[in-house]
Each structure stands twice: as C-alpha cells, then as structure tokens.
Amino acid sequence: MVSYGDGAYAAGCADTTRAGRGSGQAEGRPGGQRGIAAYKACEVLRRLTESGHDVQVVPTEASLHFVGAATWSALSGHPVSTQVWNDVHQVPHVRTGQAADLVVVAPATADLLARAAHGLADDLLTNTLLTARCPVVFAPAMHTEMWEHPATQENVATLRRRGAVVIEPAVGRLTGADTGKGRLPDPGEIFEVCRRILARGTAAPDLAGRHVVISAGGTREPLDPVRYLGNRSSGKQGYALARTAVARGRG
C-alpha cells in the first residue's frame, strides 16, 4: 500500500507497500506478495484509510490468490496492478517509490525478504522498494523454521543494516496445526509502528544508538522456601514495547 501527503504512508499486503508525498490527505498504494497472512493486511489498509491516508495497493500476482484485486480496489478506492507494463506512460515502477513517504510490506514472506535484500526487481512491488527513498517497514510472516533459517536471518540483518524496520514476528498459531514464532504481528501493532514513523518525519530516530532492556512475562517474589507471590502476565505488553523501541531506533 502507498499513501501520499503530510504524514502519508505506503502500506503493502503480503509483501510490500509504499507511500507518496502530496498535499492534503495521505495517498497510498498497497502491495502484496504470496502468504496466507495477506488477508490480515486488509485490516492494516482499513486503519490507514480511516486515518485519512490515500492508499494505493501494489500486490504481487501470487498474493491475489489469497485476497483478490477487487477487494483491494474497493478498500483503497484505487485500481490495483501487479505489472510494470500497466499505465506505462505514468512510469509506475519508478514514480510509486519516488513519491512514497513510507513503504510497508505486510506480510513480508521469506521470499520477499530475500528479494528485497538482494535488490531484485522482477515485479511492480520490488521495483517500488528499489526506488523508494522513504522509511520501509517489513512485517514478516512465515513458518518458524523459515524465520529461523540462517539465510532469512542474514537477509533480515542486511535490510536492518540498510535502515529498514523489520518488526519481529509474533508467536502463535501458524498455517495448519503449527505453532511458533513467525506469525504476522497484530495489524494494530503494524499500524502503530507506521504511525510513529510518519509522525517522526525526517527527524532522526530518538532511540538510535541506545540499548534498551525490557523485561516481559510473569514475576515471582519468594515469601519463603516454599511459597511465592506471582502473576500470570503473558509478556505481550513487554514484547510490544520492545518492538516499538526497535522501530524508534532505526530510520
């Protein structure tokens, strides 16, 4: 997805999004790649449009198997395209990224992270990533084994080193009966990260260069060798604070 204007932002579904500059309300183009979590990007798009952003969705061909072009067009109010050959006179594969204030890739699959890290440009979405000079946010979604694979971790490290914000995936139910780390972060959390980055504008991240330690989960305070006082904290709030700290530490 992409949006334009003051505080404009670009959001993408299933693999990438972008935002462009303009006047008035933000305008955007969402983009997506394959990944069953693509349907959750609809909620991210809804939050963006309800916040006054004009969003343009830029999906990949594969993502349309999960969420159709008609849905993206209806939610964003703009036609969607996956190809660089549509509306060639407007040069969308260059203009989309150039005009963006923020690019959001949600969900970002292992494949998309690899293509982005290696600078591939084989569709409208990856072309947008290469031409964007605004902040870029990736919201990963994949199986635990794929997220933990050394190749994926190296790609994530490369993107972060270049200044991209890669949100840590959530822990929970994945495709099928699998459970573990790799679940798409909550759409509300993705939106909040984007909102903070847009509000920051061109200012340097206020936590850049700082090391933040955040404790999460339940606590136990011993009363005696047998008894203790404790709580059933899930740790979710601590995890959310940690992800926010990461977003505020990277440009």
Protein backbone atom coordinates (compact mmCIF):
# COMPACT_ATOMS: atom_id res chain seq x y z
CA MET A 1 0.00 0.00 0.00
CA VAL A 2 1.17 3.52 -0.60
CA SER A 3 -0.12 6.80 0.66
CA TYR A 4 0.71 10.42 -0.01
CA GLY A 5 0.50 13.73 1.79
CA ASP A 6 1.59 15.15 5.14
CA GLY A 7 2.22 12.07 7.23
CA ALA A 8 1.41 10.00 4.19
CA TYR A 9 2.35 6.39 4.17
CA ALA A 10 2.59 3.43 1.93
CA ALA A 11 1.44 0.02 3.02
CA GLY A 12 1.80 -3.26 1.22
CA CYS A 13 -0.01 -6.50 1.57
CA ALA A 14 1.68 -9.85 1.64
CA ASP A 15 4.99 -8.36 0.72
CA THR A 16 5.28 -4.61 0.28
CA THR A 17 3.72 -1.17 0.45
CA ARG A 18 4.70 2.40 -0.12
CA ALA A 19 3.53 5.95 0.50
CA GLY A 20 3.96 9.08 -1.53
CA ARG A 21 4.14 12.81 -0.98
CA GLY A 22 1.47 15.28 -1.87
CA SER A 23 -0.86 17.75 -0.23
CA GLY A 24 -3.84 17.19 1.99
CA GLN A 25 -4.70 13.66 2.99
CA ALA A 26 -2.23 10.87 2.56
CA GLU A 27 -2.48 8.87 -0.60
CA GLY A 28 -1.13 5.35 -0.96
CA ARG A 29 -0.64 2.18 -2.88
CA PRO A 30 -0.60 -1.17 -1.04
CA GLY A 31 1.43 -4.04 -2.36
CA GLY A 32 1.37 -7.69 -1.53
CA GLN A 33 3.06 -10.98 -2.16
CA ARG A 34 2.06 -14.57 -1.55
CA GLY A 35 1.37 -15.57 2.04
CA ILE A 36 -1.79 -16.75 3.77
CA ALA A 37 -1.46 -13.86 6.24
CA ALA A 38 -2.26 -11.50 3.35
CA TYR A 39 -5.88 -11.28 4.46
CA LYS A 40 -4.76 -9.50 7.64
CA ALA A 41 -3.29 -6.73 5.53
CA CYS A 42 -6.88 -5.71 4.79
CA GLU A 43 -7.14 -4.57 8.40
CA VAL A 44 -3.90 -2.58 8.09
CA LEU A 45 -5.29 -0.94 4.95
CA ARG A 46 -8.56 -0.13 6.71
CA ARG A 47 -6.76 1.55 9.62
CA LEU A 48 -4.69 3.61 7.21
CA THR A 49 -7.61 4.82 5.14
CA GLU A 50 -9.68 5.59 8.24
CA SER A 51 -6.78 7.71 9.49
CA GLY A 52 -7.03 9.89 6.40
CA HIS A 53 -4.39 8.27 4.21
CA ASP A 54 -4.95 7.78 0.50
CA VAL A 55 -3.60 4.28 -0.09
CA GLN A 56 -2.66 2.57 -3.33
CA VAL A 57 -2.21 -1.20 -3.13
CA VAL A 58 0.57 -2.87 -5.12
CA PRO A 59 0.04 -6.63 -4.78
CA THR A 60 2.07 -9.41 -6.30
CA GLU A 61 0.44 -11.93 -8.61
CA ALA A 62 0.69 -14.69 -6.00
CA SER A 63 -0.94 -12.62 -3.25
CA LEU A 64 -4.09 -12.28 -5.34
CA HIS A 65 -4.77 -15.98 -4.69
CA PHE A 66 -5.47 -15.01 -1.06
CA VAL A 67 -7.04 -11.54 -1.47
CA GLY A 68 -8.43 -10.54 -4.85
CA ALA A 69 -7.82 -7.33 -6.76
CA ALA A 70 -11.49 -6.34 -6.35
CA THR A 71 -11.11 -6.37 -2.56
CA TRP A 72 -8.00 -4.19 -2.61
CA SER A 73 -9.57 -1.80 -5.07
CA ALA A 74 -12.78 -1.50 -3.04
CA LEU A 75 -10.94 -0.93 0.26
CA SER A 76 -8.41 1.56 -1.13
CA GLY A 77 -10.60 3.32 -3.68
CA HIS A 78 -7.93 2.83 -6.37
CA PRO A 79 -7.35 0.27 -9.12
CA VAL A 80 -4.54 -2.17 -8.37
CA SER A 81 -1.84 -3.60 -10.60
CA THR A 82 0.95 -6.13 -10.24
CA GLN A 83 2.72 -5.38 -13.51
CA VAL A 84 5.16 -2.67 -14.58
CA TRP A 85 3.52 -2.72 -18.04
CA ASN A 86 0.22 -1.18 -16.97
CA ASP A 87 -0.10 2.61 -17.37
CA VAL A 88 3.44 2.71 -18.74
CA HIS A 89 3.14 6.40 -19.61
CA GLN A 90 2.98 7.15 -15.87
CA VAL A 91 6.14 5.09 -15.18
CA PRO A 92 4.61 3.47 -12.06
CA HIS A 93 7.63 1.26 -11.34
CA VAL A 94 9.63 4.44 -10.61
CA ARG A 95 7.06 7.02 -9.56
CA THR A 96 5.42 4.88 -6.89
CA GLY A 97 8.59 4.55 -4.85
CA GLN A 98 9.81 8.07 -5.52
CA ALA A 99 6.62 9.64 -4.20
CA ALA A 100 6.34 7.49 -1.09
CA ASP A 101 6.58 8.76 2.49
CA LEU A 102 6.52 5.23 3.84
CA VAL A 103 6.58 1.74 2.40
CA VAL A 104 5.04 -1.10 4.39
CA VAL A 105 5.40 -4.74 3.44
CA ALA A 106 2.77 -6.73 5.27
CA PRO A 107 3.04 -9.63 5.35
CA ALA A 108 6.65 -9.96 4.26
CA THR A 109 7.32 -13.56 3.26
CA ALA A 110 10.73 -15.24 3.34
CA ASP A 111 10.83 -14.94 -0.44
CA LEU A 112 10.12 -11.21 -0.42
CA LEU A 113 12.71 -10.56 2.28
CA ALA A 114 15.28 -12.41 0.17
CA ARG A 115 14.41 -10.50 -2.99
CA ALA A 116 14.47 -7.18 -1.17
CA ALA A 117 17.81 -7.91 0.48
CA HIS A 118 19.38 -8.84 -2.86
CA GLY A 119 17.90 -5.93 -4.79
CA LEU A 120 15.82 -7.96 -7.24
CA ALA A 121 13.20 -6.07 -9.24
CA ASP A 122 11.02 -8.55 -11.13
CA ASP A 123 7.60 -7.01 -10.45
CA LEU A 124 5.98 -3.69 -9.53
CA LEU A 125 6.38 -4.31 -5.83
CA THR A 126 10.13 -4.97 -5.80
CA ASN A 127 10.69 -2.11 -8.25
CA THR A 128 8.91 0.14 -5.76
CA LEU A 129 11.23 -1.00 -2.98
CA LEU A 130 14.30 -0.13 -5.03
CA THR A 131 13.12 3.35 -5.97
CA ALA A 132 11.76 4.33 -2.55
CA ARG A 133 13.89 6.73 -0.51
CA CYS A 134 11.47 6.86 2.41
CA PRO A 135 11.35 4.62 5.52
CA VAL A 136 10.46 1.00 4.76
CA VAL A 137 8.70 -1.32 7.21
CA PHE A 138 8.60 -5.10 6.84
CA ALA A 139 6.11 -7.18 8.85
CA PRO A 140 7.31 -10.79 8.43
CA ALA A 141 5.01 -13.82 8.31
CA MET A 142 6.25 -17.36 7.73
CA HIS A 143 6.77 -20.68 9.46
CA THR A 144 9.18 -20.80 12.39
CA GLU A 145 11.75 -22.88 10.54
CA MET A 146 11.80 -20.40 7.67
CA TRP A 147 12.18 -17.41 10.01
CA GLU A 148 15.00 -19.09 11.95
CA HIS A 149 16.89 -20.27 8.86
CA PRO A 150 20.35 -18.63 8.61
CA ALA A 151 19.55 -17.34 5.12
CA THR A 152 16.46 -15.48 6.33
CA GLN A 153 18.29 -14.11 9.36
CA GLU A 154 21.09 -12.81 7.14
CA ASN A 155 18.55 -11.16 4.83
CA VAL A 156 16.83 -9.51 7.80
CA ALA A 157 20.19 -8.30 9.14
CA THR A 158 21.03 -6.86 5.70
CA LEU A 159 17.74 -4.97 5.49
CA ARG A 160 18.10 -3.61 9.01
CA ARG A 161 21.67 -2.55 8.33
CA ARG A 162 20.38 -0.53 5.39
CA GLY A 163 17.91 1.24 7.67
CA ALA A 164 14.72 -0.75 7.11
CA VAL A 165 12.46 -1.53 10.06
CA VAL A 166 11.81 -5.27 10.30
CA ILE A 167 9.22 -5.93 13.00
CA GLU A 168 9.76 -9.13 14.97
CA PRO A 169 7.10 -11.71 14.07
CA ALA A 170 4.64 -12.77 16.75
CA VAL A 171 4.44 -16.17 18.43
CA GLY A 172 1.25 -18.16 17.94
CA ARG A 173 -0.77 -20.38 15.63
CA LEU A 174 0.61 -20.63 12.11
CA THR A 175 -0.73 -22.34 8.98
CA GLY A 176 -2.20 -25.74 9.76
CA ALA A 177 -1.57 -27.08 13.23
CA ASP A 178 1.87 -25.48 13.64
CA THR A 179 2.58 -23.04 16.45
CA GLY A 180 5.68 -20.92 16.97
CA LYS A 181 7.42 -17.69 16.05
CA GLY A 182 6.58 -16.41 12.59
CA ARG A 183 3.01 -15.19 12.92
CA LEU A 184 2.23 -11.80 11.36
CA PRO A 185 2.33 -9.07 14.03
CA ASP A 186 -1.09 -7.77 15.02
CA PRO A 187 -2.43 -5.30 12.42
CA GLY A 188 -2.87 -2.74 15.20
CA GLU A 189 0.80 -3.04 16.09
CA ILE A 190 1.86 -2.66 12.45
CA PHE A 191 -0.29 0.44 12.12
CA GLU A 192 1.13 1.92 15.33
CA VAL A 193 4.72 1.41 14.12
CA CYS A 194 3.81 3.15 10.85
CA ARG A 195 2.06 5.97 12.67
CA ARG A 196 5.09 6.65 14.85
CA ILE A 197 7.47 6.63 11.90
CA LEU A 198 5.26 9.01 9.94
CA ALA A 199 4.87 11.31 12.93
CA ARG A 200 8.64 11.39 13.30
CA GLY A 201 9.00 12.65 9.74
CA THR A 202 12.61 13.24 8.71
CA ALA A 203 13.85 13.58 12.30
CA ALA A 204 16.46 11.09 13.44
CA PRO A 205 15.15 8.09 15.46
CA ASP A 206 15.10 9.21 19.10
CA LEU A 207 16.40 5.84 20.34
CA ALA A 208 19.12 5.39 17.72
CA GLY A 209 22.34 4.09 19.24
CA ARG A 210 20.71 3.24 22.56
CA HIS A 211 20.47 -0.19 24.14
CA VAL A 212 17.09 -0.88 25.75
CA VAL A 213 16.38 -3.74 28.15
CA ILE A 214 12.71 -4.63 28.68
CA SER A 215 11.55 -7.44 30.94
CA ALA A 216 8.42 -9.37 29.99
CA GLY A 217 6.32 -12.15 31.41
CA GLY A 218 5.26 -13.16 34.88
CA THR A 219 7.24 -12.48 38.05
CA ARG A 220 7.75 -14.46 41.26
CA GLU A 221 8.69 -12.93 44.59
CA PRO A 222 9.70 -15.57 47.17
CA LEU A 223 7.95 -15.44 50.53
CA ASP A 224 9.81 -18.41 51.98
CA PRO A 225 11.50 -21.57 50.64
CA VAL A 226 8.09 -22.94 49.57
CA ARG A 227 5.72 -20.06 48.76
CA TYR A 228 5.90 -17.09 46.42
CA LEU A 229 3.81 -14.21 45.11
CA GLY A 230 3.38 -14.27 41.35
CA ASN A 231 1.20 -13.23 38.44
CA ARG A 232 0.05 -14.68 35.14
CA SER A 233 1.42 -12.00 32.85
CA SER A 234 1.64 -13.18 29.24
CA GLY A 235 4.51 -10.83 28.41
CA LYS A 236 2.67 -9.43 25.38
CA GLN A 237 2.93 -5.85 26.57
CA GLY A 238 6.67 -6.21 27.06
CA TYR A 239 7.05 -7.65 23.58
CA ALA A 240 5.08 -4.73 22.13
CA LEU A 241 7.28 -2.24 23.96
CA ALA A 242 10.39 -3.99 22.65
CA ARG A 243 9.15 -3.85 19.05
CA THR A 244 8.31 -0.17 19.44
CA ALA A 245 11.78 0.51 20.79
CA VAL A 246 13.27 -1.19 17.74
CA ALA A 247 11.14 0.94 15.42
CA ARG A 248 12.23 4.12 17.21
CA GLY A 249 15.87 3.13 16.93
CA ARG A 250 16.01 2.66 13.19
CA GLY A 251 15.48 5.16 10.39
